[in-house]
Amino acid sequence: MSRVGAAGPNLPWLDYAGASKVQTNLNEVYNALQSGVFDGMVIFPAPYYGFKFGEVAKYYTTMGWGSVLAYPVTVNNKTWAKLPDDVKKIFLEEMQVYQTAVEDEGVEKYTSALENLKKQGVTVRDLGSEERGKMALAIEPWVNEKAAEYEAQGYPGKATFNRLMELAKENGATPVHEYTIK
């Protein structure tokens, strides 16, 4: 069984992959890959390139698990309620500009990191739709567990997940698996 390193939020992906998961962080990865503590790593291309993991791990596979929200902006309801309407309006208008800029930067970092990995001598490949579909099917129990967890907390977990899938399709995504949320 392969041992795969991942940071906390990414560990659940591995529960259904048939791998032995190893909790790690960026400071440990280089030496852990080099010494065989784990055989692979769940990581986005920019830090893989930036931390020079390609020196000790010469293969990188894009999985299609989604993107990273690099620069989130939040405000709690209490603070939002105190803001004047004209300030809220400006904030919402500028958030559209900010959202586009963050998205553009994310695409640029992703693309340039993959190109730079290739220049480092790393073999970059894509998992492919067939394997991605198998992976999506394998994690369906986890998706249902999370939906049920939110339902138990009083949130519309099932409806939210189904709406997310609808929005993804409306925005051009073609899911490799149609989830059945129970």
Protein backbone atom coordinates (compact mmCIF):
# COMPACT_ATOMS: atom_id res chain seq x y z
CA MET A 1 0.00 0.00 0.00
CA SER A 2 1.35 3.41 -0.97
CA ARG A 3 1.93 5.98 1.74
CA VAL A 4 0.72 9.44 0.72
CA GLY A 5 1.46 12.66 2.59
CA ALA A 6 -1.15 15.38 2.92
CA ALA A 7 -2.02 18.37 5.06
CA GLY A 8 -5.04 18.06 7.35
CA PRO A 9 -7.81 19.32 5.02
CA ASN A 10 -6.63 17.03 2.22
CA LEU A 11 -6.41 13.85 4.28
CA PRO A 12 -10.05 12.77 3.80
CA TRP A 13 -9.50 12.45 0.04
CA LEU A 14 -7.14 9.59 0.82
CA ASP A 15 -9.58 7.62 2.99
CA TYR A 16 -11.20 6.22 -0.14
CA ALA A 17 -8.08 5.95 -2.32
CA GLY A 18 -6.63 2.75 -0.87
CA ALA A 19 -3.55 4.61 0.34
CA SER A 20 -2.05 4.88 3.78
CA LYS A 21 -2.25 8.57 4.66
CA VAL A 22 0.49 10.46 6.45
CA GLN A 23 -0.20 13.84 8.10
CA THR A 24 2.49 16.30 7.02
CA ASN A 25 3.26 19.94 6.28
CA LEU A 26 5.40 21.80 3.75
CA ASN A 27 8.42 21.90 6.06
CA GLU A 28 8.62 18.09 6.18
CA VAL A 29 7.82 17.14 2.59
CA TYR A 30 11.24 17.40 0.90
CA ASN A 31 13.01 15.13 3.37
CA ALA A 32 10.03 12.79 3.70
CA LEU A 33 9.88 12.26 -0.07
CA GLN A 34 13.64 11.89 -0.27
CA SER A 35 13.84 9.35 2.57
CA GLY A 36 10.70 7.38 1.66
CA VAL A 37 8.55 8.34 4.66
CA PHE A 38 5.83 8.56 2.04
CA ASP A 39 5.65 7.72 -1.65
CA GLY A 40 3.61 10.68 -2.85
CA MET A 41 2.05 13.92 -1.76
CA VAL A 42 -1.26 15.74 -2.17
CA ILE A 43 -0.14 19.24 -3.13
CA PHE A 44 -0.87 21.98 -5.61
CA PRO A 45 1.73 22.70 -8.32
CA ALA A 46 2.86 26.14 -7.10
CA PRO A 47 4.26 24.96 -3.75
CA TYR A 48 5.54 21.76 -5.37
CA TYR A 49 7.59 23.93 -7.67
CA GLY A 50 8.44 26.65 -5.13
CA PHE A 51 9.70 24.22 -2.49
CA LYS A 52 11.68 22.32 -5.17
CA PHE A 53 10.05 18.96 -4.45
CA GLY A 54 10.75 18.09 -8.08
CA GLU A 55 14.37 17.52 -7.05
CA VAL A 56 13.34 14.42 -5.10
CA ALA A 57 10.02 13.47 -6.72
CA LYS A 58 10.13 13.53 -10.51
CA TYR A 59 6.45 12.88 -11.28
CA TYR A 60 3.46 15.17 -10.83
CA THR A 61 -0.12 14.17 -11.66
CA THR A 62 -2.94 16.70 -11.91
CA MET A 63 -5.95 15.15 -10.21
CA GLY A 64 -8.73 17.61 -10.95
CA TRP A 65 -9.79 17.95 -7.31
CA GLY A 66 -10.49 21.63 -7.67
CA SER A 67 -8.71 24.86 -6.99
CA VAL A 68 -7.39 26.67 -3.97
CA LEU A 69 -9.02 29.86 -2.79
CA ALA A 70 -5.81 31.73 -2.14
CA TYR A 71 -7.07 35.06 -0.82
CA PRO A 72 -10.50 34.82 0.79
CA VAL A 73 -12.25 37.89 2.16
CA THR A 74 -14.90 37.47 4.81
CA VAL A 75 -17.00 39.58 7.12
CA ASN A 76 -19.26 38.32 9.88
CA ASN A 77 -22.99 39.09 9.90
CA LYS A 78 -22.80 41.38 12.92
CA THR A 79 -20.18 43.62 11.30
CA TRP A 80 -21.95 43.54 7.93
CA ALA A 81 -25.20 44.66 9.57
CA LYS A 82 -23.44 47.74 10.98
CA LEU A 83 -22.15 48.94 7.61
CA PRO A 84 -24.05 51.69 5.77
CA ASP A 85 -25.84 50.53 2.62
CA ASP A 86 -23.65 52.69 0.36
CA VAL A 87 -20.52 51.03 1.80
CA LYS A 88 -22.07 47.56 1.33
CA LYS A 89 -22.83 48.44 -2.30
CA ILE A 90 -19.23 49.50 -2.97
CA PHE A 91 -17.92 46.43 -1.18
CA LEU A 92 -20.07 44.08 -3.30
CA GLU A 93 -19.13 45.85 -6.54
CA GLU A 94 -15.43 45.72 -5.75
CA MET A 95 -15.64 42.08 -4.69
CA GLN A 96 -16.51 41.23 -8.29
CA VAL A 97 -13.31 42.95 -9.44
CA TYR A 98 -11.32 41.23 -6.68
CA GLN A 99 -12.84 37.83 -7.47
CA THR A 100 -11.81 38.11 -11.12
CA ALA A 101 -8.28 39.22 -10.20
CA VAL A 102 -7.85 36.32 -7.74
CA GLU A 103 -9.18 33.84 -10.29
CA ASP A 104 -6.84 35.17 -12.98
CA GLU A 105 -3.87 34.99 -10.61
CA GLY A 106 -4.77 31.44 -9.58
CA VAL A 107 -4.91 30.27 -13.19
CA GLU A 108 -1.59 31.99 -13.94
CA LYS A 109 0.14 30.44 -10.91
CA TYR A 110 -1.23 26.98 -11.69
CA THR A 111 -0.23 27.13 -15.36
CA SER A 112 3.21 28.63 -14.78
CA ALA A 113 3.98 26.19 -11.96
CA LEU A 114 3.23 23.20 -14.20
CA GLU A 115 5.44 24.66 -16.93
CA ASN A 116 8.21 25.34 -14.43
CA LEU A 117 7.96 21.79 -13.08
CA LYS A 118 8.56 20.49 -16.59
CA LYS A 119 11.61 22.77 -16.85
CA GLN A 120 12.86 21.23 -13.57
CA GLY A 121 12.71 17.82 -15.24
CA VAL A 122 9.47 16.71 -13.60
CA THR A 123 7.14 14.54 -15.69
CA VAL A 124 3.72 16.19 -15.52
CA ARG A 125 0.65 14.19 -16.49
CA ASP A 126 -3.10 14.38 -16.01
CA LEU A 127 -5.01 11.63 -14.21
CA GLY A 128 -7.55 11.43 -17.03
CA SER A 129 -11.33 11.33 -17.05
CA GLU A 130 -11.70 7.57 -16.60
CA GLU A 131 -9.58 7.44 -13.44
CA ARG A 132 -11.08 10.71 -12.21
CA GLY A 133 -14.53 9.13 -12.58
CA LYS A 134 -13.43 6.10 -10.54
CA MET A 135 -12.09 8.44 -7.87
CA ALA A 136 -15.33 10.45 -7.81
CA LEU A 137 -17.35 7.26 -7.42
CA ALA A 138 -15.04 6.03 -4.65
CA ILE A 139 -15.56 9.18 -2.55
CA GLU A 140 -19.35 9.21 -2.89
CA PRO A 141 -19.76 7.77 0.62
CA TRP A 142 -17.69 10.66 1.99
CA VAL A 143 -19.82 13.19 0.10
CA ASN A 144 -22.93 11.68 1.67
CA GLU A 145 -21.31 11.61 5.11
CA LYS A 146 -20.50 15.33 4.86
CA ALA A 147 -24.01 16.18 3.62
CA ALA A 148 -25.52 14.19 6.51
CA GLU A 149 -23.13 15.84 8.98
CA TYR A 150 -24.34 19.29 7.94
CA GLU A 151 -27.98 18.16 7.99
CA ALA A 152 -27.48 16.96 11.59
CA GLN A 153 -26.18 20.43 12.48
CA GLY A 154 -29.33 22.02 11.08
CA TYR A 155 -27.89 23.13 7.73
CA PRO A 156 -29.26 22.09 4.32
CA GLY A 157 -26.28 19.87 3.47
CA LYS A 158 -28.01 17.81 0.78
CA ALA A 159 -29.63 20.80 -0.94
CA THR A 160 -26.40 22.80 -0.76
CA PHE A 161 -24.33 20.04 -2.35
CA ASN A 162 -26.93 19.49 -5.08
CA ARG A 163 -27.07 23.25 -5.76
CA LEU A 164 -23.28 23.37 -5.96
CA MET A 165 -23.36 20.67 -8.62
CA GLU A 166 -26.09 22.56 -10.53
CA LEU A 167 -24.07 25.77 -10.45
CA ALA A 168 -20.94 23.96 -11.62
CA LYS A 169 -22.83 22.55 -14.61
CA GLU A 170 -24.44 25.93 -15.36
CA ASN A 171 -20.93 27.40 -15.47
CA GLY A 172 -19.63 24.84 -17.93
CA ALA A 173 -18.36 22.00 -15.74
CA THR A 174 -18.89 18.45 -16.94
CA PRO A 175 -18.89 16.17 -13.89
CA VAL A 176 -17.17 12.81 -14.34
CA HIS A 177 -19.71 11.29 -11.93
CA GLU A 178 -23.28 12.19 -10.98
CA TYR A 179 -23.52 11.97 -7.19
CA THR A 180 -26.60 10.59 -5.52
CA ILE A 181 -27.02 12.46 -2.26
CA LYS A 182 -29.11 10.42 0.13
